[in-house]
Amino acid sequence: MVQRLHLVFGGELLDLRRNVFKNVDALHVVGIFPDYASAYNAWKAEAQRTVDNANMRYFIAHIHRLRDEEAEASPTEELG
């Protein structure tokens, strides 16, 4: 079975024209979700909750795209 994990996170941006966070230490990690639909619902809820702050942005990261299980591990991954 293929898992398609999604991370929902957000924070306040320095500038609306770029995706650079004002304070990385203050990022809000909403959670990791098993499918896009549940990640989208969580993203939408947080975006609506923070609608009064124009600099606040939430994102969905497709964790399953970050790693190809078929590819050989890098030397850094082998350190663990």
C-alpha atoms as a PDB file:
ATOM      1  CA  MET A   1       0.000   0.000   0.000  1.00  0.00           C
ATOM      2  CA  VAL A   2       1.309   3.420  -0.947  1.00  0.00           C
ATOM      3  CA  GLN A   3       1.032   6.136   1.679  1.00  0.00           C
ATOM      4  CA  ARG A   4       0.737   9.707   0.483  1.00  0.00           C
ATOM      5  CA  LEU A   5       1.523  11.773   3.560  1.00  0.00           C
ATOM      6  CA  HIS A   6       0.914  15.534   3.638  1.00  0.00           C
ATOM      7  CA  LEU A   7       2.225  18.118   6.103  1.00  0.00           C
ATOM      8  CA  VAL A   8       0.156  21.227   6.838  1.00  0.00           C
ATOM      9  CA  PHE A   9       2.070  24.151   8.338  1.00  0.00           C
ATOM     10  CA  GLY A  10       2.048  27.923   8.321  1.00  0.00           C
ATOM     11  CA  GLY A  11       3.320  31.142   9.725  1.00  0.00           C
ATOM     12  CA  GLU A  12       3.595  34.849   9.232  1.00  0.00           C
ATOM     13  CA  LEU A  13       5.408  35.983   6.090  1.00  0.00           C
ATOM     14  CA  LEU A  14       7.848  38.886   5.874  1.00  0.00           C
ATOM     15  CA  ASP A  15       6.479  39.963   2.520  1.00  0.00           C
ATOM     16  CA  LEU A  16       3.396  38.784   0.627  1.00  0.00           C
ATOM     17  CA  ARG A  17       5.378  38.607  -2.614  1.00  0.00           C
ATOM     18  CA  ARG A  18       7.717  35.897  -1.281  1.00  0.00           C
ATOM     19  CA  ASN A  19       7.300  32.782   0.816  1.00  0.00           C
ATOM     20  CA  VAL A  20       9.809  33.813   3.499  1.00  0.00           C
ATOM     21  CA  PHE A  21       8.670  33.392   7.079  1.00  0.00           C
ATOM     22  CA  LYS A  22       9.068  36.191   9.598  1.00  0.00           C
ATOM     23  CA  ASN A  23      10.049  33.793  12.390  1.00  0.00           C
ATOM     24  CA  VAL A  24      10.772  30.155  11.560  1.00  0.00           C
ATOM     25  CA  ASP A  25      10.788  29.285  15.265  1.00  0.00           C
ATOM     26  CA  ALA A  26       7.138  30.348  15.461  1.00  0.00           C
ATOM     27  CA  LEU A  27       5.871  28.151  12.588  1.00  0.00           C
ATOM     28  CA  HIS A  28       2.576  26.460  13.333  1.00  0.00           C
ATOM     29  CA  VAL A  29       2.693  22.768  12.433  1.00  0.00           C
ATOM     30  CA  VAL A  30      -0.921  21.733  12.063  1.00  0.00           C
ATOM     31  CA  GLY A  31      -0.104  18.079  11.469  1.00  0.00           C
ATOM     32  CA  ILE A  32       0.639  15.227   9.097  1.00  0.00           C
ATOM     33  CA  PHE A  33      -2.303  13.773   7.209  1.00  0.00           C
ATOM     34  CA  PRO A  34      -2.728  10.463   5.347  1.00  0.00           C
ATOM     35  CA  ASP A  35      -4.320  11.939   2.232  1.00  0.00           C
ATOM     36  CA  TYR A  36      -4.700  15.205   0.377  1.00  0.00           C
ATOM     37  CA  ALA A  37      -8.392  15.633   1.219  1.00  0.00           C
ATOM     38  CA  SER A  38      -7.836  15.637   4.976  1.00  0.00           C
ATOM     39  CA  ALA A  39      -4.760  17.869   4.587  1.00  0.00           C
ATOM     40  CA  TYR A  40      -6.805  20.293   2.480  1.00  0.00           C
ATOM     41  CA  ASN A  41      -9.542  20.412   5.121  1.00  0.00           C
ATOM     42  CA  ALA A  42      -6.983  21.182   7.837  1.00  0.00           C
ATOM     43  CA  TRP A  43      -5.294  23.815   5.626  1.00  0.00           C
ATOM     44  CA  LYS A  44      -8.633  25.476   4.864  1.00  0.00           C
ATOM     45  CA  ALA A  45      -9.636  25.574   8.542  1.00  0.00           C
ATOM     46  CA  GLU A  46      -6.357  27.260   9.542  1.00  0.00           C
ATOM     47  CA  ALA A  47      -6.463  29.678   6.617  1.00  0.00           C
ATOM     48  CA  GLN A  48      -9.991  30.714   7.559  1.00  0.00           C
ATOM     49  CA  ARG A  49      -9.099  30.963  11.261  1.00  0.00           C
ATOM     50  CA  THR A  50      -6.268  33.421  10.482  1.00  0.00           C
ATOM     51  CA  VAL A  51      -8.018  35.376   7.721  1.00  0.00           C
ATOM     52  CA  ASP A  52      -7.685  38.656   9.664  1.00  0.00           C
ATOM     53  CA  ASN A  53      -3.870  38.492   9.458  1.00  0.00           C
ATOM     54  CA  ALA A  54      -2.976  39.214   5.825  1.00  0.00           C
ATOM     55  CA  ASN A  55       0.626  38.063   6.324  1.00  0.00           C
ATOM     56  CA  MET A  56      -0.320  34.636   7.693  1.00  0.00           C
ATOM     57  CA  ARG A  57      -0.069  31.790   5.193  1.00  0.00           C
ATOM     58  CA  TYR A  58      -0.575  28.032   5.433  1.00  0.00           C
ATOM     59  CA  PHE A  59       0.847  25.442   3.069  1.00  0.00           C
ATOM     60  CA  ILE A  60       0.438  21.777   2.215  1.00  0.00           C
ATOM     61  CA  ALA A  61       3.730  19.921   1.701  1.00  0.00           C
ATOM     62  CA  HIS A  62       3.535  16.630  -0.165  1.00  0.00           C
ATOM     63  CA  ILE A  63       5.849  14.554   2.011  1.00  0.00           C
ATOM     64  CA  HIS A  64       5.453  11.513  -0.229  1.00  0.00           C
ATOM     65  CA  ARG A  65       7.159  13.446  -3.042  1.00  0.00           C
ATOM     66  CA  LEU A  66      10.270  14.145  -0.978  1.00  0.00           C
ATOM     67  CA  ARG A  67      11.505  10.591  -0.973  1.00  0.00           C
ATOM     68  CA  ASP A  68      11.660   7.937  -3.638  1.00  0.00           C
ATOM     69  CA  GLU A  69      11.706   4.608  -1.823  1.00  0.00           C
ATOM     70  CA  GLU A  70      13.183   2.910  -4.900  1.00  0.00           C
ATOM     71  CA  ALA A  71      16.248   5.184  -4.970  1.00  0.00           C
ATOM     72  CA  GLU A  72      19.428   4.241  -3.129  1.00  0.00           C
ATOM     73  CA  ALA A  73      19.863   6.062   0.200  1.00  0.00           C
ATOM     74  CA  SER A  74      22.302   8.947   0.362  1.00  0.00           C
ATOM     75  CA  PRO A  75      25.403   8.708   2.594  1.00  0.00           C
ATOM     76  CA  THR A  76      23.789  11.168   5.020  1.00  0.00           C
ATOM     77  CA  GLU A  77      20.761   8.908   5.488  1.00  0.00           C
ATOM     78  CA  GLU A  78      23.060   6.002   6.271  1.00  0.00           C
ATOM     79  CA  LEU A  79      24.565   7.839   9.299  1.00  0.00           C
ATOM     80  CA  GLY A  80      21.455   7.298  11.433  1.00  0.00           C
END
